[in-house]
C-alpha cells in the first residue's frame, strides 16, 4: 500500500509548520498557531479595552512583534548588539 502524501499544514500568520507548533484550524484551511494566538492576546491586553466593533489601528509594531514571512526565521527578541547611532 502506498503512503498518501498529506499537505503540510502551516500557520497562516507566521508560516511555521504543524510539527513546530500547535495549530488551531479555522475556516477554509486557515490555521493559527499557539505562538500567534499568544502574541495577539498580548497585543490586545497591552492596548486595553476598546469600543466593541471598532477597528483598532496599530501605530507602532516592535521587532519582537514582527511576523516573519513563511520560511523565514523568527526575529530574535533580544535587543540589537549594535544599535544605530
PDB file of N, CA and C in Angstrom:
ATOM      1  N   UNK A   1       0.842  -1.175   0.000  1.00  0.00           N
ATOM      2  CA  UNK A   1       0.000   0.000   0.000  1.00  0.00           C
ATOM      3  C   UNK A   1       0.891   1.244   0.000  1.00  0.00           C
ATOM      4  N   UNK A   2       0.593   2.182  -0.887  1.00  0.00           N
ATOM      5  CA  UNK A   2       1.381   3.404  -0.979  1.00  0.00           C
ATOM      6  C   UNK A   2       0.954   4.408   0.079  1.00  0.00           C
ATOM      7  N   UNK A   3       1.948   5.147   0.575  1.00  0.00           N
ATOM      8  CA  UNK A   3       1.659   6.210   1.542  1.00  0.00           C
ATOM      9  C   UNK A   3       1.002   7.380   0.818  1.00  0.00           C
ATOM     10  N   UNK A   4       0.035   7.965   1.442  1.00  0.00           N
ATOM     11  CA  UNK A   4      -0.659   9.123   0.865  1.00  0.00           C
ATOM     12  C   UNK A   4       0.049  10.383   1.334  1.00  0.00           C
ATOM     13  N   UNK A   5       0.445  11.221   0.359  1.00  0.00           N
ATOM     14  CA  UNK A   5       1.086  12.493   0.711  1.00  0.00           C
ATOM     15  C   UNK A   5       0.023  13.458   1.214  1.00  0.00           C
ATOM     16  N   UNK A   6       0.194  13.892   2.433  1.00  0.00           N
ATOM     17  CA  UNK A   6      -0.727  14.874   3.008  1.00  0.00           C
ATOM     18  C   UNK A   6      -0.058  16.237   2.968  1.00  0.00           C
ATOM     19  N   UNK A   7      -0.824  17.271   2.689  1.00  0.00           N
ATOM     20  CA  UNK A   7      -0.212  18.604   2.665  1.00  0.00           C
ATOM     21  C   UNK A   7       0.299  18.986   4.054  1.00  0.00           C
ATOM     22  N   UNK A   8       1.406  19.702   4.057  1.00  0.00           N
ATOM     23  CA  UNK A   8       1.968  20.187   5.320  1.00  0.00           C
ATOM     24  C   UNK A   8       1.155  21.395   5.747  1.00  0.00           C
ATOM     25  N   UNK A   9       0.588  21.318   6.923  1.00  0.00           N
ATOM     26  CA  UNK A   9      -0.194  22.442   7.440  1.00  0.00           C
ATOM     27  C   UNK A   9       0.748  23.443   8.081  1.00  0.00           C
ATOM     28  N   UNK A  10       0.471  24.720   7.853  1.00  0.00           N
ATOM     29  CA  UNK A  10       1.289  25.813   8.380  1.00  0.00           C
ATOM     30  C   UNK A  10       0.388  26.871   8.994  1.00  0.00           C
ATOM     31  N   UNK A  11       0.970  27.613   9.934  1.00  0.00           N
ATOM     32  CA  UNK A  11       0.269  28.767  10.482  1.00  0.00           C
ATOM     33  C   UNK A  11       0.113  29.788   9.353  1.00  0.00           C
ATOM     34  N   UNK A  12      -1.077  30.280   9.166  1.00  0.00           N
ATOM     35  CA  UNK A  12      -1.344  31.252   8.104  1.00  0.00           C
ATOM     36  C   UNK A  12      -0.741  32.619   8.401  1.00  0.00           C
ATOM     37  N   UNK A  13      -0.258  32.831   9.626  1.00  0.00           N
ATOM     38  CA  UNK A  13       0.286  34.125  10.024  1.00  0.00           C
ATOM     39  C   UNK A  13       1.808  34.142  10.020  1.00  0.00           C
ATOM     40  N   UNK A  14       2.443  33.123  10.626  1.00  0.00           N
ATOM     41  CA  UNK A  14       3.910  33.121  10.720  1.00  0.00           C
ATOM     42  C   UNK A  14       4.562  32.083   9.817  1.00  0.00           C
ATOM     43  N   UNK A  15       3.802  31.133   9.301  1.00  0.00           N
ATOM     44  CA  UNK A  15       4.329  30.153   8.369  1.00  0.00           C
ATOM     45  C   UNK A  15       4.988  28.935   9.000  1.00  0.00           C
ATOM     46  N   UNK A  16       4.972  28.827  10.318  1.00  0.00           N
ATOM     47  CA  UNK A  16       5.589  27.673  10.971  1.00  0.00           C
ATOM     48  C   UNK A  16       4.780  26.415  10.673  1.00  0.00           C
ATOM     49  N   UNK A  17       5.504  25.287  10.518  1.00  0.00           N
ATOM     50  CA  UNK A  17       4.874  24.014  10.191  1.00  0.00           C
ATOM     51  C   UNK A  17       4.191  23.399  11.402  1.00  0.00           C
ATOM     52  N   UNK A  18       3.230  22.524  11.129  1.00  0.00           N
ATOM     53  CA  UNK A  18       2.464  21.852  12.172  1.00  0.00           C
ATOM     54  C   UNK A  18       3.373  21.110  13.147  1.00  0.00           C
ATOM     55  N   UNK A  19       4.484  20.563  12.703  1.00  0.00           N
ATOM     56  CA  UNK A  19       5.402  19.848  13.579  1.00  0.00           C
ATOM     57  C   UNK A  19       6.160  20.758  14.530  1.00  0.00           C
ATOM     58  N   UNK A  20       6.180  22.060  14.260  1.00  0.00           N
ATOM     59  CA  UNK A  20       6.913  23.020  15.091  1.00  0.00           C
ATOM     60  C   UNK A  20       6.031  23.678  16.155  1.00  0.00           C
ATOM     61  N   UNK A  21       4.727  23.745  15.898  1.00  0.00           N
ATOM     62  CA  UNK A  21       3.802  24.456  16.784  1.00  0.00           C
ATOM     63  C   UNK A  21       2.477  23.702  16.865  1.00  0.00           C
ATOM     64  N   UNK A  22       1.644  24.118  17.814  1.00  0.00           N
ATOM     65  CA  UNK A  22       0.270  23.592  17.888  1.00  0.00           C
ATOM     66  C   UNK A  22      -0.617  24.506  17.040  1.00  0.00           C
ATOM     67  N   UNK A  23      -1.411  23.900  16.182  1.00  0.00           N
ATOM     68  CA  UNK A  23      -2.264  24.676  15.287  1.00  0.00           C
ATOM     69  C   UNK A  23      -3.732  24.572  15.673  1.00  0.00           C
ATOM     70  N   UNK A  24      -4.441  25.672  15.464  1.00  0.00           N
ATOM     71  CA  UNK A  24      -5.889  25.707  15.623  1.00  0.00           C
ATOM     72  C   UNK A  24      -6.453  25.914  14.221  1.00  0.00           C
ATOM     73  N   UNK A  25      -7.331  25.017  13.798  1.00  0.00           N
ATOM     74  CA  UNK A  25      -7.903  25.102  12.460  1.00  0.00           C
ATOM     75  C   UNK A  25      -8.994  26.155  12.416  1.00  0.00           C
ATOM     76  N   UNK A  26      -9.012  26.856  11.306  1.00  0.00           N
ATOM     77  CA  UNK A  26     -10.056  27.835  11.064  1.00  0.00           C
ATOM     78  C   UNK A  26     -10.816  27.446   9.808  1.00  0.00           C
ATOM     79  N   UNK A  27     -11.588  28.353   9.259  1.00  0.00           N
ATOM     80  CA  UNK A  27     -12.344  28.042   8.046  1.00  0.00           C
ATOM     81  C   UNK A  27     -11.443  27.967   6.818  1.00  0.00           C
ATOM     82  N   UNK A  28     -11.801  27.105   5.883  1.00  0.00           N
ATOM     83  CA  UNK A  28     -11.131  27.022   4.572  1.00  0.00           C
ATOM     84  C   UNK A  28      -9.620  26.866   4.657  1.00  0.00           C
ATOM     85  N   UNK A  29      -9.142  25.914   5.413  1.00  0.00           N
ATOM     86  CA  UNK A  29      -7.705  25.624   5.515  1.00  0.00           C
ATOM     87  C   UNK A  29      -6.882  26.802   6.029  1.00  0.00           C
ATOM     88  N   UNK A  30      -7.432  27.586   6.905  1.00  0.00           N
ATOM     89  CA  UNK A  30      -6.708  28.668   7.566  1.00  0.00           C
ATOM     90  C   UNK A  30      -6.373  28.188   8.968  1.00  0.00           C
ATOM     91  N   UNK A  31      -5.115  28.388   9.377  1.00  0.00           N
ATOM     92  CA  UNK A  31      -4.658  27.922  10.683  1.00  0.00           C
ATOM     93  C   UNK A  31      -3.942  29.055  11.407  1.00  0.00           C
ATOM     94  N   UNK A  32      -3.990  29.016  12.731  1.00  0.00           N
ATOM     95  CA  UNK A  32      -3.208  29.941  13.553  1.00  0.00           C
ATOM     96  C   UNK A  32      -2.533  29.109  14.636  1.00  0.00           C
ATOM     97  N   UNK A  33      -1.255  29.393  14.902  1.00  0.00           N
ATOM     98  CA  UNK A  33      -0.507  28.613  15.888  1.00  0.00           C
ATOM     99  C   UNK A  33      -0.640  29.227  17.281  1.00  0.00           C
ATOM    100  N   UNK A  34      -0.260  28.442  18.265  1.00  0.00           N
ATOM    101  CA  UNK A  34      -0.371  28.902  19.655  1.00  0.00           C
ATOM    102  C   UNK A  34       0.516  30.119  19.916  1.00  0.00           C
ATOM    103  N   UNK A  35       1.623  30.257  19.193  1.00  0.00           N
ATOM    104  CA  UNK A  35       2.505  31.417  19.387  1.00  0.00           C
ATOM    105  C   UNK A  35       1.845  32.701  18.878  1.00  0.00           C
ATOM    106  N   UNK A  36       1.180  32.613  17.728  1.00  0.00           N
ATOM    107  CA  UNK A  36       0.497  33.790  17.188  1.00  0.00           C
ATOM    108  C   UNK A  36      -0.722  34.155  18.031  1.00  0.00           C
ATOM    109  N   UNK A  37      -1.409  33.142  18.571  1.00  0.00           N
ATOM    110  CA  UNK A  37      -2.529  33.412  19.475  1.00  0.00           C
ATOM    111  C   UNK A  37      -2.025  34.158  20.704  1.00  0.00           C
ATOM    112  N   UNK A  38      -0.889  33.702  21.268  1.00  0.00           N
ATOM    113  CA  UNK A  38      -0.322  34.355  22.453  1.00  0.00           C
ATOM    114  C   UNK A  38       0.080  35.792  22.139  1.00  0.00           C
ATOM    115  N   UNK A  39       0.680  36.011  20.965  1.00  0.00           N
ATOM    116  CA  UNK A  39       1.085  37.361  20.578  1.00  0.00           C
ATOM    117  C   UNK A  39      -0.136  38.267  20.418  1.00  0.00           C
ATOM    118  N   UNK A  40      -1.178  37.759  19.782  1.00  0.00           N
ATOM    119  CA  UNK A  40      -2.409  38.550  19.626  1.00  0.00           C
ATOM    120  C   UNK A  40      -3.012  38.890  20.982  1.00  0.00           C
ATOM    121  N   UNK A  41      -3.015  37.924  21.885  1.00  0.00           N
ATOM    122  CA  UNK A  41      -3.547  38.167  23.232  1.00  0.00           C
ATOM    123  C   UNK A  41      -2.741  39.237  23.948  1.00  0.00           C
ATOM    124  N   UNK A  42      -1.415  39.183  23.785  1.00  0.00           N
ATOM    125  CA  UNK A  42      -0.531  40.175  24.414  1.00  0.00           C
ATOM    126  C   UNK A  42      -0.811  41.570  23.861  1.00  0.00           C
ATOM    127  N   UNK A  43      -0.984  41.665  22.563  1.00  0.00           N
ATOM    128  CA  UNK A  43      -1.261  42.963  21.929  1.00  0.00           C
ATOM    129  C   UNK A  43      -2.592  43.519  22.426  1.00  0.00           C
ATOM    130  N   UNK A  44      -3.625  42.675  22.453  1.00  0.00           N
ATOM    131  CA  UNK A  44      -4.939  43.132  22.912  1.00  0.00           C
ATOM    132  C   UNK A  44      -4.914  43.534  24.375  1.00  0.00           C
ATOM    133  N   UNK A  45      -4.178  42.794  25.192  1.00  0.00           N
ATOM    134  CA  UNK A  45      -4.069  43.124  26.615  1.00  0.00           C
ATOM    135  C   UNK A  45      -3.346  44.451  26.807  1.00  0.00           C
ATOM    136  N   UNK A  46      -2.291  44.682  26.026  1.00  0.00           N
ATOM    137  CA  UNK A  46      -1.493  45.907  26.128  1.00  0.00           C
ATOM    138  C   UNK A  46      -2.308  47.127  25.702  1.00  0.00           C
ATOM    139  N   UNK A  47      -3.126  46.967  24.673  1.00  0.00           N
ATOM    140  CA  UNK A  47      -3.888  48.102  24.151  1.00  0.00           C
ATOM    141  C   UNK A  47      -5.115  48.420  24.989  1.00  0.00           C
ATOM    142  N   UNK A  48      -5.529  47.505  25.833  1.00  0.00           N
ATOM    143  CA  UNK A  48      -6.675  47.758  26.697  1.00  0.00           C
ATOM    144  C   UNK A  48      -7.989  47.647  25.962  1.00  0.00           C
ATOM    145  N   UNK A  49      -9.079  47.854  26.696  1.00  0.00           N
ATOM    146  CA  UNK A  49     -10.402  47.710  26.084  1.00  0.00           C
ATOM    147  C   UNK A  49     -10.676  48.834  25.091  1.00  0.00           C
ATOM    148  N   UNK A  50     -11.421  48.495  24.100  1.00  0.00           N
ATOM    149  CA  UNK A  50     -11.823  49.484  23.112  1.00  0.00           C
ATOM    150  C   UNK A  50     -13.318  49.402  22.910  1.00  0.00           C
ATOM    151  N   UNK A  51     -13.820  50.232  22.051  1.00  0.00           N
ATOM    152  CA  UNK A  51     -15.245  50.218  21.758  1.00  0.00           C
ATOM    153  C   UNK A  51     -15.571  48.952  20.965  1.00  0.00           C
ATOM    154  N   UNK A  52     -16.573  48.177  21.385  1.00  0.00           N
ATOM    155  CA  UNK A  52     -16.910  46.943  20.664  1.00  0.00           C
ATOM    156  C   UNK A  52     -17.223  47.223  19.200  1.00  0.00           C
ATOM    157  N   UNK A  53     -16.629  46.446  18.328  1.00  0.00           N
ATOM    158  CA  UNK A  53     -16.869  46.583  16.898  1.00  0.00           C
ATOM    159  C   UNK A  53     -16.004  47.618  16.215  1.00  0.00           C
ATOM    160  N   UNK A  54     -15.320  48.457  16.976  1.00  0.00           N
ATOM    161  CA  UNK A  54     -14.472  49.488  16.374  1.00  0.00           C
ATOM    162  C   UNK A  54     -13.134  48.875  15.967  1.00  0.00           C
ATOM    163  N   UNK A  55     -12.652  49.190  14.761  1.00  0.00           N
ATOM    164  CA  UNK A  55     -11.353  48.652  14.348  1.00  0.00           C
ATOM    165  C   UNK A  55     -10.231  49.279  15.164  1.00  0.00           C
ATOM    166  N   UNK A  56      -9.203  48.502  15.385  1.00  0.00           N
ATOM    167  CA  UNK A  56      -8.031  49.016  16.100  1.00  0.00           C
ATOM    168  C   UNK A  56      -6.901  49.170  15.100  1.00  0.00           C
ATOM    169  N   UNK A  57      -6.276  50.303  15.112  1.00  0.00           N
ATOM    170  CA  UNK A  57      -5.167  50.564  14.208  1.00  0.00           C
ATOM    171  C   UNK A  57      -3.911  50.691  15.039  1.00  0.00           C
ATOM    172  N   UNK A  58      -2.933  49.829  14.741  1.00  0.00           N
ATOM    173  CA  UNK A  58      -1.668  49.884  15.465  1.00  0.00           C
ATOM    174  C   UNK A  58      -0.822  50.999  14.877  1.00  0.00           C
ATOM    175  N   UNK A  59      -0.269  51.816  15.739  1.00  0.00           N
ATOM    176  CA  UNK A  59       0.592  52.897  15.280  1.00  0.00           C
ATOM    177  C   UNK A  59       2.057  52.510  15.367  1.00  0.00           C
ATOM    178  N   UNK A  60       2.355  51.428  16.074  1.00  0.00           N
ATOM    179  CA  UNK A  60       3.746  51.018  16.252  1.00  0.00           C
ATOM    180  C   UNK A  60       3.803  49.502  16.380  1.00  0.00           C
ATOM    181  N   UNK A  61       4.727  48.888  15.658  1.00  0.00           N
ATOM    182  CA  UNK A  61       4.981  47.457  15.794  1.00  0.00           C
ATOM    183  C   UNK A  61       6.471  47.300  16.058  1.00  0.00           C
ATOM    184  N   UNK A  62       6.794  46.683  17.183  1.00  0.00           N
ATOM    185  CA  UNK A  62       8.200  46.482  17.520  1.00  0.00           C
ATOM    186  C   UNK A  62       8.728  45.249  16.820  1.00  0.00           C
ATOM    187  N   UNK A  63      10.050  45.113  16.756  1.00  0.00           N
ATOM    188  CA  UNK A  63      10.652  43.958  16.097  1.00  0.00           C
ATOM    189  C   UNK A  63      10.262  42.665  16.785  1.00  0.00           C
ATOM    190  N   UNK A  64       9.967  42.698  18.088  1.00  0.00           N
ATOM    191  CA  UNK A  64       9.567  41.476  18.785  1.00  0.00           C
ATOM    192  C   UNK A  64       8.155  41.061  18.403  1.00  0.00           C
ATOM    193  N   UNK A  65       7.391  41.972  17.800  1.00  0.00           N
ATOM    194  CA  UNK A  65       6.032  41.655  17.377  1.00  0.00           C
ATOM    195  C   UNK A  65       5.952  41.379  15.885  1.00  0.00           C
ATOM    196  N   UNK A  66       7.041  41.582  15.162  1.00  0.00           N
ATOM    197  CA  UNK A  66       7.037  41.378  13.719  1.00  0.00           C
ATOM    198  C   UNK A  66       6.840  39.906  13.405  1.00  0.00           C
ATOM    199  N   UNK A  67       6.023  39.619  12.413  1.00  0.00           N
ATOM    200  CA  UNK A  67       5.776  38.248  11.997  1.00  0.00           C
ATOM    201  C   UNK A  67       6.603  37.965  10.757  1.00  0.00           C
ATOM    202  N   UNK A  68       7.468  36.961  10.807  1.00  0.00           N
ATOM    203  CA  UNK A  68       8.289  36.650   9.641  1.00  0.00           C
ATOM    204  C   UNK A  68       7.446  36.030   8.536  1.00  0.00           C
ATOM    205  N   UNK A  69       7.874  36.216   7.308  1.00  0.00           N
ATOM    206  CA  UNK A  69       7.201  35.579   6.184  1.00  0.00           C
ATOM    207  C   UNK A  69       7.442  34.077   6.256  1.00  0.00           C
ATOM    208  N   UNK A  70       6.618  33.319   5.597  1.00  0.00           N
ATOM    209  CA  UNK A  70       6.742  31.858   5.634  1.00  0.00           C
ATOM    210  C   UNK A  70       8.146  31.446   5.215  1.00  0.00           C
ATOM    211  N   UNK A  71       8.735  30.557   5.982  1.00  0.00           N
ATOM    212  CA  UNK A  71      10.060  30.042   5.671  1.00  0.00           C
ATOM    213  C   UNK A  71      11.191  30.830   6.293  1.00  0.00           C
ATOM    214  N   UNK A  72      10.937  32.023   6.740  1.00  0.00           N
ATOM    215  CA  UNK A  72      11.988  32.817   7.374  1.00  0.00           C
ATOM    216  C   UNK A  72      12.059  32.492   8.851  1.00  0.00           C
ATOM    217  N   UNK A  73      13.187  32.739   9.452  1.00  0.00           N
ATOM    218  CA  UNK A  73      13.353  32.505  10.889  1.00  0.00           C
ATOM    219  C   UNK A  73      12.733  33.664  11.665  1.00  0.00           C
ATOM    220  N   UNK A  74      12.260  33.375  12.838  1.00  0.00           N
ATOM    221  CA  UNK A  74      11.657  34.403  13.688  1.00  0.00           C
ATOM    222  C   UNK A  74      12.701  35.423  14.109  1.00  0.00           C
ATOM    223  N   UNK A  75      12.268  36.641  14.263  1.00  0.00           N
ATOM    224  CA  UNK A  75      13.150  37.717  14.701  1.00  0.00           C
ATOM    225  C   UNK A  75      13.491  37.499  16.169  1.00  0.00           C
ATOM    226  N   UNK A  76      14.764  37.658  16.507  1.00  0.00           N
ATOM    227  CA  UNK A  76      15.185  37.483  17.894  1.00  0.00           C
ATOM    228  C   UNK A  76      14.546  38.548  18.760  1.00  0.00           C
ATOM    229  N   UNK A  77      14.182  38.184  19.989  1.00  0.00           N
ATOM    230  CA  UNK A  77      13.586  39.149  20.918  1.00  0.00           C
ATOM    231  C   UNK A  77      14.651  39.895  21.709  1.00  0.00           C
ATOM    232  N   UNK A  78      15.928  39.638  21.425  1.00  0.00           N
ATOM    233  CA  UNK A  78      16.995  40.329  22.133  1.00  0.00           C
ATOM    234  C   UNK A  78      17.262  41.663  21.453  1.00  0.00           C
ATOM    235  N   UNK A  79      17.648  42.684  22.231  1.00  0.00           N
ATOM    236  CA  UNK A  79      17.962  43.979  21.618  1.00  0.00           C
ATOM    237  C   UNK A  79      19.195  43.872  20.729  1.00  0.00           C
ATOM    238  N   UNK A  80      19.283  44.784  19.765  1.00  0.00           N
ATOM    239  CA  UNK A  80      20.441  44.804  18.872  1.00  0.00           C
ATOM    240  C   UNK A  80      21.726  45.004  19.652  1.00  0.00           C
ATOM    241  N   UNK A  81      22.756  44.258  19.242  1.00  0.00           N
ATOM    242  CA  UNK A  81      24.064  44.404  19.874  1.00  0.00           C
ATOM    243  C   UNK A  81      24.683  45.740  19.481  1.00  0.00           C
ATOM    244  N   UNK A  82      24.407  46.189  18.252  1.00  0.00           N
ATOM    245  CA  UNK A  82      24.959  47.448  17.751  1.00  0.00           C
ATOM    246  C   UNK A  82      23.819  48.347  17.295  1.00  0.00           C
ATOM    247  N   UNK A  83      23.157  49.043  18.224  1.00  0.00           N
ATOM    248  CA  UNK A  83      22.057  49.917  17.816  1.00  0.00           C
ATOM    249  C   UNK A  83      22.567  51.075  16.973  1.00  0.00           C
ATOM    250  N   UNK A  84      21.726  51.631  16.084  1.00  0.00           N
ATOM    251  CA  UNK A  84      22.155  52.768  15.267  1.00  0.00           C
ATOM    252  C   UNK A  84      22.487  53.973  16.139  1.00  0.00           C
ATOM    253  N   UNK A  85      23.449  54.756  15.668  1.00  0.00           N
ATOM    254  CA  UNK A  85      23.880  55.945  16.414  1.00  0.00           C
ATOM    255  C   UNK A  85      22.995  57.123  16.139  1.00  0.00           C
TER     256      UNK A  85
END
